[in-house]
Amino acid sequence: MKREGVLYVISAPSGAGKTTICKMIKSHEPELRQSISYTTRAMRAGEEEGVDYHFVTRETFDRMVSEGAFAEWAEVHGNCYGTARATLEEARLAGADILLDIDFQGAAQLRISDVDGVFIFVLPPSLNELRKRLEGRNTESHDVIEQRMTNATEEIAHAAQFDYLVVNDVFDKAVEEVRAIMLAESVRTSRLMSDLPKEFSLK
């Protein structure tokens, strides 16, 4: 039997740097698949169908929800986002590891579902530093930043529910820590048992 693919779920408060970390890891690990979410929001300039998102109508999204097609989904600021079960299952059966960059709400849904995954939470070095990063974007109003900070405080309070915690203080170090987690998980005994020669007779 071929080793099943591993699902790596990476979550973090907004501004902690998870998406940048995921992009760097993907550049180091070309074999790693990236889960492409479904969304009802309009395509933005520079985005591509099937690369950034699968763009669908609200009617199509609602039908997929009723059919149980999503492993997790959420409505954020009037737009819906979801991860298809078929995408995760296809990668698992193909023995392909897959990386899912997802918000806290989606990760929480996956943790209580029947999806088998490795859950990693990225923390900022401090709440003050997180605020500086959000303000440094110069893309959001004061009210939006305050809401993100409120959400971050609540999300961090539940971080112990994740399998691993990575503090994104020094970016390169955080990337290497996530890669180290992935390497360790790839040689976990339970994942390798089916690949070992039968003559080993492990018990």
C-alpha atoms as a PDB file:
ATOM      1  CA  MET A   1       0.000   0.000   0.000  1.00  0.00           C
ATOM      2  CA  LYS A   2       1.152   3.494  -0.843  1.00  0.00           C
ATOM      3  CA  ARG A   3       1.513   5.991   1.998  1.00  0.00           C
ATOM      4  CA  GLU A   4      -1.494   8.260   2.190  1.00  0.00           C
ATOM      5  CA  GLY A   5      -0.977  11.974   1.646  1.00  0.00           C
ATOM      6  CA  VAL A   6      -0.820  14.236   4.674  1.00  0.00           C
ATOM      7  CA  LEU A   7      -3.029  17.298   5.062  1.00  0.00           C
ATOM      8  CA  TYR A   8      -1.233  20.246   6.672  1.00  0.00           C
ATOM      9  CA  VAL A   9      -3.614  22.907   7.955  1.00  0.00           C
ATOM     10  CA  ILE A  10      -1.966  26.246   8.730  1.00  0.00           C
ATOM     11  CA  SER A  11      -3.958  28.921  10.512  1.00  0.00           C
ATOM     12  CA  ALA A  12      -3.156  32.219  12.223  1.00  0.00           C
ATOM     13  CA  PRO A  13      -4.598  35.587  13.194  1.00  0.00           C
ATOM     14  CA  SER A  14      -4.754  38.077  10.347  1.00  0.00           C
ATOM     15  CA  GLY A  15      -1.343  39.720   9.987  1.00  0.00           C
ATOM     16  CA  ALA A  16       0.678  36.920  11.584  1.00  0.00           C
ATOM     17  CA  GLY A  17       2.187  35.942   8.232  1.00  0.00           C
ATOM     18  CA  LYS A  18       0.770  32.487   7.499  1.00  0.00           C
ATOM     19  CA  THR A  19       0.119  33.125   3.806  1.00  0.00           C
ATOM     20  CA  THR A  20       3.661  34.385   3.220  1.00  0.00           C
ATOM     21  CA  ILE A  21       5.026  31.378   5.112  1.00  0.00           C
ATOM     22  CA  CYS A  22       2.916  29.022   2.984  1.00  0.00           C
ATOM     23  CA  LYS A  23       4.158  30.621  -0.245  1.00  0.00           C
ATOM     24  CA  MET A  24       7.777  30.229   0.864  1.00  0.00           C
ATOM     25  CA  ILE A  25       7.250  26.596   1.860  1.00  0.00           C
ATOM     26  CA  LYS A  26       5.612  25.866  -1.496  1.00  0.00           C
ATOM     27  CA  SER A  27       8.643  27.326  -3.282  1.00  0.00           C
ATOM     28  CA  HIS A  28      10.891  24.940  -1.311  1.00  0.00           C
ATOM     29  CA  GLU A  29       8.573  21.941  -1.713  1.00  0.00           C
ATOM     30  CA  PRO A  30       7.335  21.828  -5.345  1.00  0.00           C
ATOM     31  CA  GLU A  31       5.735  18.402  -4.794  1.00  0.00           C
ATOM     32  CA  LEU A  32       3.484  19.830  -2.107  1.00  0.00           C
ATOM     33  CA  ARG A  33      -0.025  20.501  -3.346  1.00  0.00           C
ATOM     34  CA  GLN A  34      -1.863  23.707  -2.536  1.00  0.00           C
ATOM     35  CA  SER A  35      -5.568  23.412  -1.815  1.00  0.00           C
ATOM     36  CA  ILE A  36      -7.600  25.783  -4.001  1.00  0.00           C
ATOM     37  CA  SER A  37     -10.702  27.058  -2.222  1.00  0.00           C
ATOM     38  CA  TYR A  38     -14.091  27.804  -3.746  1.00  0.00           C
ATOM     39  CA  THR A  39     -15.453  31.332  -3.362  1.00  0.00           C
ATOM     40  CA  THR A  40     -18.455  33.409  -4.360  1.00  0.00           C
ATOM     41  CA  ARG A  41     -16.542  36.688  -4.440  1.00  0.00           C
ATOM     42  CA  ALA A  42     -15.690  38.358  -7.727  1.00  0.00           C
ATOM     43  CA  MET A  43     -12.344  37.650  -9.360  1.00  0.00           C
ATOM     44  CA  ARG A  44      -9.819  40.420  -8.750  1.00  0.00           C
ATOM     45  CA  ALA A  45      -7.327  41.792 -11.228  1.00  0.00           C
ATOM     46  CA  GLY A  46      -4.419  39.407 -11.715  1.00  0.00           C
ATOM     47  CA  GLU A  47      -6.262  36.370 -10.326  1.00  0.00           C
ATOM     48  CA  GLU A  48      -6.852  33.183 -12.301  1.00  0.00           C
ATOM     49  CA  GLU A  49      -9.610  30.612 -12.121  1.00  0.00           C
ATOM     50  CA  GLY A  50      -8.301  27.372 -10.642  1.00  0.00           C
ATOM     51  CA  VAL A  51      -5.060  29.029  -9.518  1.00  0.00           C
ATOM     52  CA  ASP A  52      -6.115  31.529  -6.872  1.00  0.00           C
ATOM     53  CA  TYR A  53      -9.667  30.244  -6.307  1.00  0.00           C
ATOM     54  CA  HIS A  54     -12.470  28.343  -7.966  1.00  0.00           C
ATOM     55  CA  PHE A  55     -14.913  31.192  -8.590  1.00  0.00           C
ATOM     56  CA  VAL A  56     -18.556  30.097  -8.443  1.00  0.00           C
ATOM     57  CA  THR A  57     -21.980  31.680  -8.104  1.00  0.00           C
ATOM     58  CA  ARG A  58     -23.782  31.821  -4.757  1.00  0.00           C
ATOM     59  CA  GLU A  59     -26.337  29.380  -6.171  1.00  0.00           C
ATOM     60  CA  THR A  60     -23.618  26.867  -7.025  1.00  0.00           C
ATOM     61  CA  PHE A  61     -21.946  27.350  -3.648  1.00  0.00           C
ATOM     62  CA  ASP A  62     -25.214  26.845  -1.758  1.00  0.00           C
ATOM     63  CA  ARG A  63     -25.886  23.670  -3.749  1.00  0.00           C
ATOM     64  CA  MET A  64     -22.430  22.342  -2.859  1.00  0.00           C
ATOM     65  CA  VAL A  65     -23.118  23.087   0.813  1.00  0.00           C
ATOM     66  CA  SER A  66     -26.430  21.180   0.685  1.00  0.00           C
ATOM     67  CA  GLU A  67     -24.687  18.249  -0.990  1.00  0.00           C
ATOM     68  CA  GLY A  68     -22.022  18.134   1.736  1.00  0.00           C
ATOM     69  CA  ALA A  69     -19.281  18.891  -0.765  1.00  0.00           C
ATOM     70  CA  PHE A  70     -17.267  21.059   1.622  1.00  0.00           C
ATOM     71  CA  ALA A  71     -15.000  19.838   4.422  1.00  0.00           C
ATOM     72  CA  GLU A  72     -15.329  23.373   5.810  1.00  0.00           C
ATOM     73  CA  TRP A  73     -16.864  26.626   4.665  1.00  0.00           C
ATOM     74  CA  ALA A  74     -17.604  30.084   5.990  1.00  0.00           C
ATOM     75  CA  GLU A  75     -19.187  33.374   4.989  1.00  0.00           C
ATOM     76  CA  VAL A  76     -16.855  36.340   5.461  1.00  0.00           C
ATOM     77  CA  HIS A  77     -17.944  39.924   4.731  1.00  0.00           C
ATOM     78  CA  GLY A  78     -20.773  38.695   2.505  1.00  0.00           C
ATOM     79  CA  ASN A  79     -18.652  36.275   0.472  1.00  0.00           C
ATOM     80  CA  CYS A  80     -18.453  32.509   0.935  1.00  0.00           C
ATOM     81  CA  TYR A  81     -15.286  30.411   0.987  1.00  0.00           C
ATOM     82  CA  GLY A  82     -15.022  26.635   1.173  1.00  0.00           C
ATOM     83  CA  THR A  83     -12.627  23.681   0.913  1.00  0.00           C
ATOM     84  CA  ALA A  84     -13.920  20.774  -1.164  1.00  0.00           C
ATOM     85  CA  ARG A  85     -13.802  17.331   0.428  1.00  0.00           C
ATOM     86  CA  ALA A  86     -12.964  15.853  -2.984  1.00  0.00           C
ATOM     87  CA  THR A  87      -9.781  17.933  -3.216  1.00  0.00           C
ATOM     88  CA  LEU A  88      -8.494  16.655   0.134  1.00  0.00           C
ATOM     89  CA  GLU A  89      -9.564  13.061  -0.505  1.00  0.00           C
ATOM     90  CA  GLU A  90      -7.968  12.958  -3.955  1.00  0.00           C
ATOM     91  CA  ALA A  91      -4.623  14.125  -2.555  1.00  0.00           C
ATOM     92  CA  ARG A  92      -4.798  11.662   0.359  1.00  0.00           C
ATOM     93  CA  LEU A  93      -5.448   8.656  -1.881  1.00  0.00           C
ATOM     94  CA  ALA A  94      -2.777   9.752  -4.364  1.00  0.00           C
ATOM     95  CA  GLY A  95      -0.196   9.879  -1.571  1.00  0.00           C
ATOM     96  CA  ALA A  96       0.274  13.608  -2.164  1.00  0.00           C
ATOM     97  CA  ASP A  97       0.800  15.952   0.771  1.00  0.00           C
ATOM     98  CA  ILE A  98      -1.406  19.039   0.617  1.00  0.00           C
ATOM     99  CA  LEU A  99      -1.091  22.451   2.273  1.00  0.00           C
ATOM    100  CA  LEU A 100      -4.193  24.327   3.381  1.00  0.00           C
ATOM    101  CA  ASP A 101      -3.827  28.019   4.311  1.00  0.00           C
ATOM    102  CA  ILE A 102      -7.032  28.743   6.172  1.00  0.00           C
ATOM    103  CA  ASP A 103      -8.581  31.080   8.726  1.00  0.00           C
ATOM    104  CA  PHE A 104      -9.266  30.084  12.323  1.00  0.00           C
ATOM    105  CA  GLN A 105     -12.966  29.437  11.733  1.00  0.00           C
ATOM    106  CA  GLY A 106     -12.254  26.994   8.917  1.00  0.00           C
ATOM    107  CA  ALA A 107      -9.535  25.206  10.883  1.00  0.00           C
ATOM    108  CA  ALA A 108     -11.937  24.825  13.818  1.00  0.00           C
ATOM    109  CA  GLN A 109     -14.492  23.159  11.528  1.00  0.00           C
ATOM    110  CA  LEU A 110     -11.885  20.758  10.189  1.00  0.00           C
ATOM    111  CA  ARG A 111     -10.675  19.816  13.679  1.00  0.00           C
ATOM    112  CA  ILE A 112     -14.130  18.603  14.695  1.00  0.00           C
ATOM    113  CA  SER A 113     -14.808  16.869  11.362  1.00  0.00           C
ATOM    114  CA  ASP A 114     -13.641  13.467  10.203  1.00  0.00           C
ATOM    115  CA  VAL A 115     -10.723  14.994   8.262  1.00  0.00           C
ATOM    116  CA  ASP A 116      -7.317  13.685   9.321  1.00  0.00           C
ATOM    117  CA  GLY A 117      -4.774  16.490   9.338  1.00  0.00           C
ATOM    118  CA  VAL A 118      -1.803  18.105  11.043  1.00  0.00           C
ATOM    119  CA  PHE A 119      -2.872  21.460  12.506  1.00  0.00           C
ATOM    120  CA  ILE A 120      -0.309  24.260  12.828  1.00  0.00           C
ATOM    121  CA  PHE A 121      -1.032  27.670  14.347  1.00  0.00           C
ATOM    122  CA  VAL A 122       1.222  30.624  13.542  1.00  0.00           C
ATOM    123  CA  LEU A 123       1.567  33.183  16.335  1.00  0.00           C
ATOM    124  CA  PRO A 124       2.892  36.742  16.165  1.00  0.00           C
ATOM    125  CA  PRO A 125       5.713  37.473  18.645  1.00  0.00           C
ATOM    126  CA  SER A 126       3.328  39.757  20.559  1.00  0.00           C
ATOM    127  CA  LEU A 127       0.001  41.545  20.158  1.00  0.00           C
ATOM    128  CA  ASN A 128       1.830  44.869  19.899  1.00  0.00           C
ATOM    129  CA  GLU A 129       3.897  43.528  17.009  1.00  0.00           C
ATOM    130  CA  LEU A 130       0.742  42.184  15.346  1.00  0.00           C
ATOM    131  CA  ARG A 131      -0.844  45.642  15.556  1.00  0.00           C
ATOM    132  CA  LYS A 132       2.269  47.204  13.999  1.00  0.00           C
ATOM    133  CA  ARG A 133       2.101  44.730  11.110  1.00  0.00           C
ATOM    134  CA  LEU A 134      -1.579  45.411  10.490  1.00  0.00           C
ATOM    135  CA  GLU A 135      -1.061  49.168  10.621  1.00  0.00           C
ATOM    136  CA  GLY A 136       1.997  48.845   8.371  1.00  0.00           C
ATOM    137  CA  ARG A 137      -0.133  47.482   5.547  1.00  0.00           C
ATOM    138  CA  ASN A 138      -1.791  50.901   5.150  1.00  0.00           C
ATOM    139  CA  THR A 139      -4.758  49.161   3.548  1.00  0.00           C
ATOM    140  CA  GLU A 140      -7.322  49.055   6.361  1.00  0.00           C
ATOM    141  CA  SER A 141      -9.211  51.557   8.473  1.00  0.00           C
ATOM    142  CA  HIS A 142      -8.721  51.951  12.204  1.00  0.00           C
ATOM    143  CA  ASP A 143     -12.037  50.194  12.881  1.00  0.00           C
ATOM    144  CA  VAL A 144     -11.072  47.199  10.737  1.00  0.00           C
ATOM    145  CA  ILE A 145      -7.718  46.908  12.503  1.00  0.00           C
ATOM    146  CA  GLU A 146      -9.421  47.034  15.897  1.00  0.00           C
ATOM    147  CA  GLN A 147     -11.781  44.250  14.831  1.00  0.00           C
ATOM    148  CA  ARG A 148      -8.853  42.162  13.610  1.00  0.00           C
ATOM    149  CA  MET A 149      -7.083  42.675  16.932  1.00  0.00           C
ATOM    150  CA  THR A 150     -10.198  41.595  18.832  1.00  0.00           C
ATOM    151  CA  ASN A 151     -10.469  38.492  16.661  1.00  0.00           C
ATOM    152  CA  ALA A 152      -6.754  37.754  17.094  1.00  0.00           C
ATOM    153  CA  THR A 153      -6.997  37.855  20.890  1.00  0.00           C
ATOM    154  CA  GLU A 154      -9.840  35.338  20.840  1.00  0.00           C
ATOM    155  CA  GLU A 155      -8.154  33.057  18.291  1.00  0.00           C
ATOM    156  CA  ILE A 156      -4.849  33.021  20.182  1.00  0.00           C
ATOM    157  CA  ALA A 157      -6.733  32.020  23.338  1.00  0.00           C
ATOM    158  CA  HIS A 158      -7.639  28.755  21.546  1.00  0.00           C
ATOM    159  CA  ALA A 159      -4.227  28.126  19.972  1.00  0.00           C
ATOM    160  CA  ALA A 160      -3.499  25.233  22.352  1.00  0.00           C
ATOM    161  CA  GLN A 161      -6.048  23.165  20.414  1.00  0.00           C
ATOM    162  CA  PHE A 162      -3.590  22.914  17.519  1.00  0.00           C
ATOM    163  CA  ASP A 163      -0.930  20.200  17.162  1.00  0.00           C
ATOM    164  CA  TYR A 164       1.937  22.668  16.741  1.00  0.00           C
ATOM    165  CA  LEU A 165       2.638  26.328  17.466  1.00  0.00           C
ATOM    166  CA  VAL A 166       5.100  28.410  15.442  1.00  0.00           C
ATOM    167  CA  VAL A 167       6.022  31.956  16.484  1.00  0.00           C
ATOM    168  CA  ASN A 168       6.660  34.136  13.449  1.00  0.00           C
ATOM    169  CA  ASP A 169       9.243  36.479  14.938  1.00  0.00           C
ATOM    170  CA  VAL A 170      12.103  35.796  12.518  1.00  0.00           C
ATOM    171  CA  PHE A 171      10.475  34.846   9.203  1.00  0.00           C
ATOM    172  CA  ASP A 172      13.132  32.402   7.938  1.00  0.00           C
ATOM    173  CA  LYS A 173      13.154  30.607  11.298  1.00  0.00           C
ATOM    174  CA  ALA A 174       9.360  30.271  11.241  1.00  0.00           C
ATOM    175  CA  VAL A 175       9.500  28.789   7.733  1.00  0.00           C
ATOM    176  CA  GLU A 176      12.133  26.269   8.783  1.00  0.00           C
ATOM    177  CA  GLU A 177      10.119  25.282  11.845  1.00  0.00           C
ATOM    178  CA  VAL A 178       7.058  24.539   9.715  1.00  0.00           C
ATOM    179  CA  ARG A 179       9.208  22.541   7.290  1.00  0.00           C
ATOM    180  CA  ALA A 180      10.682  20.632  10.245  1.00  0.00           C
ATOM    181  CA  ILE A 181       7.166  19.746  11.409  1.00  0.00           C
ATOM    182  CA  MET A 182       6.334  18.477   7.946  1.00  0.00           C
ATOM    183  CA  LEU A 183       9.514  16.404   7.779  1.00  0.00           C
ATOM    184  CA  ALA A 184       8.845  14.843  11.181  1.00  0.00           C
ATOM    185  CA  GLU A 185       5.237  14.037  10.255  1.00  0.00           C
ATOM    186  CA  SER A 186       6.340  12.416   6.988  1.00  0.00           C
ATOM    187  CA  VAL A 187       8.331   9.785   8.908  1.00  0.00           C
ATOM    188  CA  ARG A 188       5.812   9.223  11.696  1.00  0.00           C
ATOM    189  CA  THR A 189       5.622   5.476  12.372  1.00  0.00           C
ATOM    190  CA  SER A 190       1.899   5.230  11.633  1.00  0.00           C
ATOM    191  CA  ARG A 191       2.411   6.802   8.194  1.00  0.00           C
ATOM    192  CA  LEU A 192       5.306   4.551   7.161  1.00  0.00           C
ATOM    193  CA  MET A 193       4.000   1.167   8.315  1.00  0.00           C
ATOM    194  CA  SER A 194       2.274   0.388   5.011  1.00  0.00           C
ATOM    195  CA  ASP A 195       5.447   1.172   3.005  1.00  0.00           C
ATOM    196  CA  LEU A 196       7.847  -1.041   4.948  1.00  0.00           C
ATOM    197  CA  PRO A 197       8.853  -4.506   3.688  1.00  0.00           C
ATOM    198  CA  LYS A 198       6.675  -7.232   5.180  1.00  0.00           C
ATOM    199  CA  GLU A 199       9.815  -9.088   6.301  1.00  0.00           C
ATOM    200  CA  PHE A 200      10.363  -6.435   9.005  1.00  0.00           C
ATOM    201  CA  SER A 201       7.276  -7.704  10.882  1.00  0.00           C
ATOM    202  CA  LEU A 202       6.892  -4.604  13.035  1.00  0.00           C
ATOM    203  CA  LYS A 203       4.512  -5.015  15.968  1.00  0.00           C
END
